[in-house]
C-alpha cells in the first residue's frame, strides 16, 4: 500500500540532492520535502520547487491518467517509468 504522509515547502538548512533532476538543493534554498510509504517502505525525498511543478504538470496531463483520475499509485509508477528510462539511455 502506498500512502503520502506529508508534503511541505521548507528552507534547506543543509545541502540536499533533488530526487528528480539529481542536482543540488543549496543551503537556504526553498524546496519541497515529501515523506511517504511506498511498497511498505518509508520514503523521504527533496525536490526543487521547479522540479515538483514539472512533475505535477506532466503527471496531470491527460496522457497520464487512469480512467480520468490520477492516483498516488500512478504517480509512483510514472516516477519509476521516467527514472527507468533515464538509466537505460545512459
C-alpha atoms as a PDB file:
ATOM      1  CA  UNK A   1       0.000   0.000   0.000  1.00  0.00           C
ATOM      2  CA  UNK A   2       1.258   3.474  -0.899  1.00  0.00           C
ATOM      3  CA  UNK A   3       0.412   6.489   1.203  1.00  0.00           C
ATOM      4  CA  UNK A   4       1.534  10.126   1.247  1.00  0.00           C
ATOM      5  CA  UNK A   5       2.423  11.162   4.793  1.00  0.00           C
ATOM      6  CA  UNK A   6       3.411  14.790   4.274  1.00  0.00           C
ATOM      7  CA  UNK A   7       4.377  17.255   1.582  1.00  0.00           C
ATOM      8  CA  UNK A   8       5.670  20.654   2.616  1.00  0.00           C
ATOM      9  CA  UNK A   9       7.777  23.553   1.423  1.00  0.00           C
ATOM     10  CA  UNK A  10      10.727  24.427   3.612  1.00  0.00           C
ATOM     11  CA  UNK A  11      14.082  26.210   3.637  1.00  0.00           C
ATOM     12  CA  UNK A  12      17.154  23.974   3.390  1.00  0.00           C
ATOM     13  CA  UNK A  13      19.395  24.007   6.445  1.00  0.00           C
ATOM     14  CA  UNK A  14      21.992  21.949   4.575  1.00  0.00           C
ATOM     15  CA  UNK A  15      22.640  20.776   1.013  1.00  0.00           C
ATOM     16  CA  UNK A  16      20.301  18.089  -0.367  1.00  0.00           C
ATOM     17  CA  UNK A  17      20.034  16.355  -3.732  1.00  0.00           C
ATOM     18  CA  UNK A  18      16.833  16.713  -5.762  1.00  0.00           C
ATOM     19  CA  UNK A  19      15.308  13.290  -6.368  1.00  0.00           C
ATOM     20  CA  UNK A  20      14.049  14.345  -9.785  1.00  0.00           C
ATOM     21  CA  UNK A  21      16.882  16.217 -11.545  1.00  0.00           C
ATOM     22  CA  UNK A  22      19.644  14.992  -9.198  1.00  0.00           C
ATOM     23  CA  UNK A  23      21.112  18.495  -8.901  1.00  0.00           C
ATOM     24  CA  UNK A  24      21.918  20.062  -5.544  1.00  0.00           C
ATOM     25  CA  UNK A  25      19.452  21.967  -3.406  1.00  0.00           C
ATOM     26  CA  UNK A  26      21.648  24.517  -1.687  1.00  0.00           C
ATOM     27  CA  UNK A  27      21.645  25.718   1.906  1.00  0.00           C
ATOM     28  CA  UNK A  28      18.906  28.361   2.424  1.00  0.00           C
ATOM     29  CA  UNK A  29      17.132  27.413  -0.853  1.00  0.00           C
ATOM     30  CA  UNK A  30      13.367  26.811  -0.638  1.00  0.00           C
ATOM     31  CA  UNK A  31      12.454  23.247  -1.614  1.00  0.00           C
ATOM     32  CA  UNK A  32       9.727  20.643  -1.190  1.00  0.00           C
ATOM     33  CA  UNK A  33      10.119  17.778   1.302  1.00  0.00           C
ATOM     34  CA  UNK A  34       7.849  14.766   0.822  1.00  0.00           C
ATOM     35  CA  UNK A  35       7.507  11.736   3.072  1.00  0.00           C
ATOM     36  CA  UNK A  36       5.527   8.664   2.131  1.00  0.00           C
ATOM     37  CA  UNK A  37       5.130   4.925   2.468  1.00  0.00           C
ATOM     38  CA  UNK A  38       5.846   3.189  -0.862  1.00  0.00           C
ATOM     39  CA  UNK A  39       5.523  -0.587  -1.136  1.00  0.00           C
ATOM     40  CA  UNK A  40       5.760  -0.816   2.655  1.00  0.00           C
ATOM     41  CA  UNK A  41       8.946   1.257   2.952  1.00  0.00           C
ATOM     42  CA  UNK A  42       9.312   4.754   4.404  1.00  0.00           C
ATOM     43  CA  UNK A  43      10.447   7.307   1.814  1.00  0.00           C
ATOM     44  CA  UNK A  44      11.634  10.866   2.352  1.00  0.00           C
ATOM     45  CA  UNK A  45      12.862  12.978  -0.514  1.00  0.00           C
ATOM     46  CA  UNK A  46      13.632  16.541  -1.533  1.00  0.00           C
ATOM     47  CA  UNK A  47      12.618  18.289  -4.764  1.00  0.00           C
ATOM     48  CA  UNK A  48      13.372  21.691  -6.233  1.00  0.00           C
ATOM     49  CA  UNK A  49      10.128  23.667  -6.456  1.00  0.00           C
ATOM     50  CA  UNK A  50      10.588  23.814 -10.236  1.00  0.00           C
ATOM     51  CA  UNK A  51      11.008  20.017 -10.456  1.00  0.00           C
ATOM     52  CA  UNK A  52       7.931  19.457  -8.312  1.00  0.00           C
ATOM     53  CA  UNK A  53       5.928  21.783 -10.579  1.00  0.00           C
ATOM     54  CA  UNK A  54       7.153  19.948 -13.682  1.00  0.00           C
ATOM     55  CA  UNK A  55       6.150  16.587 -12.213  1.00  0.00           C
ATOM     56  CA  UNK A  56       2.691  17.955 -11.466  1.00  0.00           C
ATOM     57  CA  UNK A  57       2.315  19.433 -14.953  1.00  0.00           C
ATOM     58  CA  UNK A  58       3.344  16.247 -16.762  1.00  0.00           C
ATOM     59  CA  UNK A  59       1.660  13.827 -14.368  1.00  0.00           C
ATOM     60  CA  UNK A  60      -1.690  15.566 -14.607  1.00  0.00           C
ATOM     61  CA  UNK A  61      -1.519  15.638 -18.412  1.00  0.00           C
ATOM     62  CA  UNK A  62      -4.410  13.587 -19.889  1.00  0.00           C
ATOM     63  CA  UNK A  63      -1.927  11.003 -21.229  1.00  0.00           C
ATOM     64  CA  UNK A  64      -1.065  10.003 -17.656  1.00  0.00           C
ATOM     65  CA  UNK A  65      -4.494   9.388 -16.175  1.00  0.00           C
ATOM     66  CA  UNK A  66      -6.173   6.167 -15.061  1.00  0.00           C
ATOM     67  CA  UNK A  67      -9.748   6.308 -16.306  1.00  0.00           C
ATOM     68  CA  UNK A  68      -9.759  10.073 -15.923  1.00  0.00           C
ATOM     69  CA  UNK A  69      -8.301  10.058 -12.402  1.00  0.00           C
ATOM     70  CA  UNK A  70      -4.745  10.421 -11.167  1.00  0.00           C
ATOM     71  CA  UNK A  71      -3.851   8.348  -8.147  1.00  0.00           C
ATOM     72  CA  UNK A  72      -0.878   8.326  -5.799  1.00  0.00           C
ATOM     73  CA  UNK A  73      -0.046   4.806  -7.023  1.00  0.00           C
ATOM     74  CA  UNK A  74       0.029   6.101 -10.597  1.00  0.00           C
ATOM     75  CA  UNK A  75       2.471   8.853  -9.642  1.00  0.00           C
ATOM     76  CA  UNK A  76       4.865   6.252  -8.225  1.00  0.00           C
ATOM     77  CA  UNK A  77       4.516   4.195 -11.419  1.00  0.00           C
ATOM     78  CA  UNK A  78       5.099   7.332 -13.503  1.00  0.00           C
ATOM     79  CA  UNK A  79       8.193   8.194 -11.439  1.00  0.00           C
ATOM     80  CA  UNK A  80       9.580   4.643 -11.773  1.00  0.00           C
ATOM     81  CA  UNK A  81       8.896   4.714 -15.530  1.00  0.00           C
ATOM     82  CA  UNK A  82      10.735   8.019 -16.044  1.00  0.00           C
ATOM     83  CA  UNK A  83      13.651   7.027 -13.793  1.00  0.00           C
ATOM     84  CA  UNK A  84      13.942   3.671 -15.570  1.00  0.00           C
ATOM     85  CA  UNK A  85      14.101   5.366 -18.970  1.00  0.00           C
ATOM     86  CA  UNK A  86      16.923   7.631 -17.841  1.00  0.00           C
ATOM     87  CA  UNK A  87      19.001   4.672 -16.649  1.00  0.00           C
ATOM     88  CA  UNK A  88      18.536   2.743 -19.928  1.00  0.00           C
ATOM     89  CA  UNK A  89      19.596   5.717 -22.041  1.00  0.00           C
ATOM     90  CA  UNK A  90      22.868   6.360 -20.184  1.00  0.00           C
END
